[in-house]
């Protein structure tokens, strides 16, 4: 049973209720915003919950068997804080969300928490979005531990990799734009240096957004996905060297084979299912 104050519990048991559903959304960068299905904004614990009648939650169901308790929230992109570009660029990935009930006529009665989780997959069509809310039990469905792999499992520059990215990182200015995922920067780095690396926009309409580099050819940079907003000449970007995670690149390019986190010499499926052949 979910805990509620005595006043709120009594209100819920009454014949007539004045309830409102609220959503508190907090991104990993600290950005916080509140929404409610009430027709007026509500001030709760110092945060204003903006009235947004476009929000429509699916049924919330909880079980005692640790089954996954995900739910969806549909709504219109009618608030300045929820821009379609931010949703598609990943700024809301993993954002913490609380869904709770309050008595809008008497906010001193506290809240009844309905669900606490994180924002999962976000789908967008026209001016409407559907966001998956993953409950705490969803973590039990995630793969834990490490699996052996022919390629390195860790990322370049991580604690396990130990390679320093200081000399492998450049801040450059976009000099030409070919499309939403391809632009040029004045760099003397050899072709392929940034391939599979990370590109972060420091200024411009895409400031703060980051994505991986698909291909680096001369001064041309092609991203895996097009940026949500237009790239323009003069945008400043941070480019970090990439790694294809092979042992050859680890040794030749980074001289870091002792920290290689892969198992390229373990026999594969062909070896496992092979059988003796008479000579």
Protein backbone atom coordinates (compact mmCIF):
# COMPACT_ATOMS: atom_id res chain seq x y z
CA UNK A 1 0.00 0.00 0.00
CA UNK A 2 1.36 3.41 -0.95
CA UNK A 3 1.79 5.83 1.98
CA UNK A 4 -0.32 8.97 2.17
CA UNK A 5 -0.99 11.53 4.87
CA UNK A 6 -4.06 11.13 7.04
CA UNK A 7 -5.68 14.14 5.42
CA UNK A 8 -5.10 12.92 1.89
CA UNK A 9 -6.21 9.39 2.77
CA UNK A 10 -9.46 10.75 4.17
CA UNK A 11 -9.96 12.84 1.05
CA UNK A 12 -9.45 9.77 -1.15
CA UNK A 13 -12.09 7.90 0.85
CA UNK A 14 -14.59 10.70 0.36
CA UNK A 15 -17.40 10.69 -2.17
CA UNK A 16 -16.09 13.78 -3.98
CA UNK A 17 -12.40 14.39 -4.63
CA UNK A 18 -10.39 17.27 -6.02
CA UNK A 19 -7.35 15.40 -7.30
CA UNK A 20 -4.70 16.37 -9.81
CA UNK A 21 -1.89 14.30 -11.30
CA UNK A 22 1.57 15.85 -11.34
CA UNK A 23 4.79 14.94 -13.13
CA UNK A 24 8.19 16.06 -11.88
CA UNK A 25 10.88 15.66 -14.55
CA UNK A 26 14.59 16.10 -13.82
CA UNK A 27 17.23 15.66 -16.51
CA UNK A 28 20.70 14.36 -15.74
CA UNK A 29 22.12 17.87 -16.21
CA UNK A 30 20.02 19.16 -13.30
CA UNK A 31 17.21 20.76 -15.36
CA UNK A 32 13.88 20.38 -13.50
CA UNK A 33 10.35 20.96 -14.71
CA UNK A 34 6.89 20.16 -13.34
CA UNK A 35 3.62 19.47 -15.17
CA UNK A 36 0.06 18.80 -14.06
CA UNK A 37 -3.24 17.83 -15.67
CA UNK A 38 -5.01 20.45 -13.52
CA UNK A 39 -6.42 23.48 -15.31
CA UNK A 40 -4.30 25.87 -13.22
CA UNK A 41 -0.58 25.84 -12.29
CA UNK A 42 0.24 24.35 -8.88
CA UNK A 43 3.08 25.44 -6.60
CA UNK A 44 4.40 22.39 -4.76
CA UNK A 45 7.60 22.41 -2.68
CA UNK A 46 8.84 25.53 -4.44
CA UNK A 47 8.35 24.17 -7.96
CA UNK A 48 5.58 25.40 -10.25
CA UNK A 49 3.78 22.55 -11.99
CA UNK A 50 2.59 23.95 -15.30
CA UNK A 51 -0.97 23.16 -16.35
CA UNK A 52 -0.86 21.05 -19.49
CA UNK A 53 -4.07 19.35 -20.53
CA UNK A 54 -2.27 17.56 -23.37
CA UNK A 55 -0.73 14.98 -21.02
CA UNK A 56 -2.47 11.61 -20.97
CA UNK A 57 -0.96 8.79 -18.87
CA UNK A 58 -1.68 5.14 -19.49
CA UNK A 59 -3.02 2.96 -16.68
CA UNK A 60 -0.57 2.51 -13.80
CA UNK A 61 -0.33 -1.06 -12.59
CA UNK A 62 1.92 -2.38 -9.84
CA UNK A 63 2.54 -5.97 -8.80
CA UNK A 64 4.27 -7.76 -5.97
CA UNK A 65 6.05 -10.22 -8.30
CA UNK A 66 8.78 -7.76 -9.45
CA UNK A 67 7.31 -7.71 -12.96
CA UNK A 68 8.21 -4.75 -15.19
CA UNK A 69 5.89 -1.83 -14.38
CA UNK A 70 6.50 0.47 -17.32
CA UNK A 71 3.87 2.94 -18.51
CA UNK A 72 3.50 5.55 -21.23
CA UNK A 73 2.71 9.26 -21.14
CA UNK A 74 1.28 10.88 -24.25
CA UNK A 75 1.17 14.61 -24.74
CA UNK A 76 1.45 17.60 -27.01
CA UNK A 77 4.65 19.56 -27.48
CA UNK A 78 2.85 22.67 -26.29
CA UNK A 79 5.32 23.76 -23.63
CA UNK A 80 8.50 25.72 -24.33
CA UNK A 81 10.42 23.38 -22.01
CA UNK A 82 9.62 20.31 -24.14
CA UNK A 83 11.11 20.99 -27.53
CA UNK A 84 10.98 18.24 -30.12
CA UNK A 85 14.65 18.84 -30.94
CA UNK A 86 15.69 18.27 -27.33
CA UNK A 87 13.73 15.03 -27.15
CA UNK A 88 15.28 13.62 -30.33
CA UNK A 89 18.80 14.76 -29.44
CA UNK A 90 18.79 12.68 -26.26
CA UNK A 91 18.81 15.43 -23.65
CA UNK A 92 15.94 13.74 -21.80
CA UNK A 93 17.41 10.22 -21.94
CA UNK A 94 17.48 8.68 -18.48
CA UNK A 95 15.73 11.67 -16.89
CA UNK A 96 14.22 10.93 -13.45
CA UNK A 97 10.45 11.26 -13.24
CA UNK A 98 7.99 11.17 -10.35
CA UNK A 99 4.25 10.84 -10.90
CA UNK A 100 2.01 11.62 -7.94
CA UNK A 101 -1.46 12.73 -6.89
CA UNK A 102 -2.30 15.83 -4.88
CA UNK A 103 -5.45 17.49 -3.63
CA UNK A 104 -5.33 20.72 -5.56
CA UNK A 105 -7.83 22.28 -3.17
CA UNK A 106 -5.54 21.61 -0.18
CA UNK A 107 -1.90 21.07 -1.12
CA UNK A 108 -0.91 20.84 2.56
CA UNK A 109 -2.25 17.27 2.54
CA UNK A 110 0.92 16.19 0.73
CA UNK A 111 1.20 13.80 -2.17
CA UNK A 112 0.53 10.18 -3.06
CA UNK A 113 3.40 8.79 -5.13
CA UNK A 114 2.14 6.68 -8.03
CA UNK A 115 5.33 5.88 -9.88
CA UNK A 116 9.02 6.71 -9.73
CA UNK A 117 11.34 5.81 -12.57
CA UNK A 118 13.27 7.11 -15.52
CA UNK A 119 12.34 8.30 -18.97
CA UNK A 120 12.90 5.64 -21.61
CA UNK A 121 12.11 5.59 -25.31
CA UNK A 122 10.53 8.76 -26.68
CA UNK A 123 8.54 8.61 -29.91
CA UNK A 124 7.51 11.73 -31.79
CA UNK A 125 5.00 12.32 -34.56
CA UNK A 126 3.92 15.76 -35.75
CA UNK A 127 3.35 17.84 -32.60
CA UNK A 128 2.72 14.90 -30.30
CA UNK A 129 5.07 12.68 -28.31
CA UNK A 130 4.83 9.41 -26.42
CA UNK A 131 7.34 8.80 -23.63
CA UNK A 132 7.98 5.47 -21.94
CA UNK A 133 8.44 5.63 -18.18
CA UNK A 134 10.52 2.76 -16.87
CA UNK A 135 9.91 1.75 -13.28
CA UNK A 136 12.55 0.65 -10.80
CA UNK A 137 11.83 -3.03 -11.57
CA UNK A 138 13.01 -2.44 -15.13
CA UNK A 139 16.59 -2.54 -13.87
CA UNK A 140 16.11 -6.23 -13.13
CA UNK A 141 15.69 -6.80 -16.89
CA UNK A 142 19.05 -5.27 -17.77
CA UNK A 143 22.04 -7.41 -18.61
CA UNK A 144 24.65 -7.33 -15.84
CA UNK A 145 28.27 -8.34 -15.93
CA UNK A 146 30.58 -8.53 -18.92
CA UNK A 147 30.51 -10.72 -22.00
CA UNK A 148 33.63 -11.73 -23.86
CA UNK A 149 34.05 -10.11 -27.24
CA UNK A 150 36.53 -9.99 -30.08
CA UNK A 151 36.50 -6.20 -29.87
CA UNK A 152 37.33 -4.05 -26.87
CA UNK A 153 34.41 -3.53 -24.48
CA UNK A 154 35.50 -0.22 -23.02
CA UNK A 155 35.46 3.29 -24.44
CA UNK A 156 38.53 5.25 -25.41
CA UNK A 157 39.63 7.43 -22.50
CA UNK A 158 37.69 5.52 -19.82
CA UNK A 159 39.21 4.45 -16.51
CA UNK A 160 39.75 0.92 -17.83
CA UNK A 161 41.27 2.18 -21.08
CA UNK A 162 43.61 4.68 -19.31
CA UNK A 163 44.40 6.56 -22.55
CA UNK A 164 44.43 10.32 -21.93
CA UNK A 165 42.18 12.30 -24.26
CA UNK A 166 43.86 15.65 -23.62
CA UNK A 167 46.06 15.47 -26.72
CA UNK A 168 43.34 13.68 -28.70
CA UNK A 169 40.70 16.39 -28.36
CA UNK A 170 40.28 19.47 -30.57
CA UNK A 171 37.92 22.42 -30.42
CA UNK A 172 37.25 23.64 -33.95
CA UNK A 173 34.90 25.94 -35.84
CA UNK A 174 32.60 24.73 -38.60
CA UNK A 175 33.83 26.16 -41.92
CA UNK A 176 31.31 24.60 -44.30
CA UNK A 177 28.03 22.68 -44.06
CA UNK A 178 26.94 20.03 -46.56
CA UNK A 179 23.88 18.63 -44.77
CA UNK A 180 22.36 18.03 -41.35
CA UNK A 181 24.96 15.36 -40.60
CA UNK A 182 27.99 16.47 -42.62
CA UNK A 183 30.17 19.54 -42.19
CA UNK A 184 33.80 20.61 -42.51
CA UNK A 185 36.32 21.90 -39.98
CA UNK A 186 39.89 23.17 -40.50
CA UNK A 187 41.92 20.30 -39.07
CA UNK A 188 45.32 18.85 -39.83
CA UNK A 189 44.50 15.50 -38.25
CA UNK A 190 44.90 12.53 -40.61
CA UNK A 191 41.86 10.98 -42.28
CA UNK A 192 40.06 8.63 -39.92
CA UNK A 193 41.37 10.27 -36.74
CA UNK A 194 37.86 11.25 -35.53
CA UNK A 195 36.04 8.20 -36.98
CA UNK A 196 33.95 6.56 -34.21
CA UNK A 197 34.87 9.47 -31.95
CA UNK A 198 32.57 11.95 -30.24
CA UNK A 199 31.38 15.31 -31.57
CA UNK A 200 29.94 17.80 -29.09
CA UNK A 201 28.48 21.16 -30.17
CA UNK A 202 29.67 23.95 -27.89
CA UNK A 203 27.83 26.87 -29.50
CA UNK A 204 24.97 27.46 -31.88
CA UNK A 205 21.48 26.00 -32.00
CA UNK A 206 22.79 22.51 -31.11
CA UNK A 207 24.86 23.62 -28.10
CA UNK A 208 25.14 20.80 -25.59
CA UNK A 209 24.16 18.04 -28.02
CA UNK A 210 26.64 15.24 -28.70
CA UNK A 211 26.76 12.37 -31.18
CA UNK A 212 29.26 9.92 -32.63
CA UNK A 213 31.29 10.50 -35.77
CA UNK A 214 30.57 8.04 -38.56
CA UNK A 215 33.38 9.07 -40.86
CA UNK A 216 36.28 11.53 -40.94
CA UNK A 217 37.71 12.23 -44.38
CA UNK A 218 40.15 15.14 -44.64
CA UNK A 219 38.29 18.15 -43.26
CA UNK A 220 34.85 16.55 -43.72
CA UNK A 221 33.04 15.17 -40.67
CA UNK A 222 30.00 12.92 -41.11
CA UNK A 223 27.89 12.14 -38.04
CA UNK A 224 25.96 8.95 -37.35
CA UNK A 225 22.71 10.92 -37.09
CA UNK A 226 21.68 14.34 -38.32
CA UNK A 227 21.57 17.06 -35.69
CA UNK A 228 18.09 18.12 -34.54
CA UNK A 229 18.73 21.77 -35.40
CA UNK A 230 20.53 23.27 -38.41
CA UNK A 231 24.34 23.36 -38.34
CA UNK A 232 25.67 26.72 -39.46
CA UNK A 233 29.10 28.07 -40.31
CA UNK A 234 30.75 29.40 -37.16
CA UNK A 235 29.41 26.75 -34.80
CA UNK A 236 32.11 25.59 -32.40
CA UNK A 237 32.49 21.85 -31.90
CA UNK A 238 34.63 19.58 -29.75
CA UNK A 239 35.97 16.53 -31.59
CA UNK A 240 37.51 13.58 -29.77
CA UNK A 241 39.55 10.89 -31.47
CA UNK A 242 37.82 7.62 -32.18
CA UNK A 243 38.77 3.98 -31.84
CA UNK A 244 37.48 0.97 -33.80
CA UNK A 245 38.19 -1.21 -30.72
CA UNK A 246 40.44 -3.69 -32.54
CA UNK A 247 43.70 -4.91 -30.95
CA UNK A 248 45.67 -3.65 -33.95
CA UNK A 249 44.45 -0.07 -33.44
CA UNK A 250 44.97 -0.33 -29.69
CA UNK A 251 48.61 -1.29 -30.16
CA UNK A 252 49.67 0.68 -33.25
CA UNK A 253 47.75 3.90 -32.69
CA UNK A 254 47.53 4.18 -28.92
CA UNK A 255 50.28 1.81 -27.67
CA UNK A 256 47.80 0.54 -25.10
CA UNK A 257 47.52 -3.18 -25.81
CA UNK A 258 48.13 -4.07 -22.14
CA UNK A 259 44.79 -2.45 -21.31
CA UNK A 260 42.88 -3.96 -24.24
CA UNK A 261 39.53 -5.22 -22.92
CA UNK A 262 38.68 -7.83 -25.54
CA UNK A 263 39.31 -11.50 -26.26
CA UNK A 264 40.22 -11.73 -29.96
CA UNK A 265 41.87 -15.16 -29.61
CA UNK A 266 38.94 -17.05 -28.07
CA UNK A 267 37.58 -19.56 -30.62
CA UNK A 268 34.25 -18.60 -32.12
CA UNK A 269 31.14 -20.60 -32.96
CA UNK A 270 32.76 -22.24 -35.99
CA UNK A 271 35.39 -23.77 -33.72
CA UNK A 272 32.84 -24.87 -31.15
CA UNK A 273 30.71 -26.74 -33.69
CA UNK A 274 33.59 -28.15 -35.70
CA UNK A 275 34.37 -31.89 -35.71
CA UNK A 276 37.40 -33.99 -36.62
CA UNK A 277 38.02 -34.57 -40.31
CA UNK A 278 39.89 -37.66 -41.44
CA UNK A 279 43.16 -36.71 -43.08
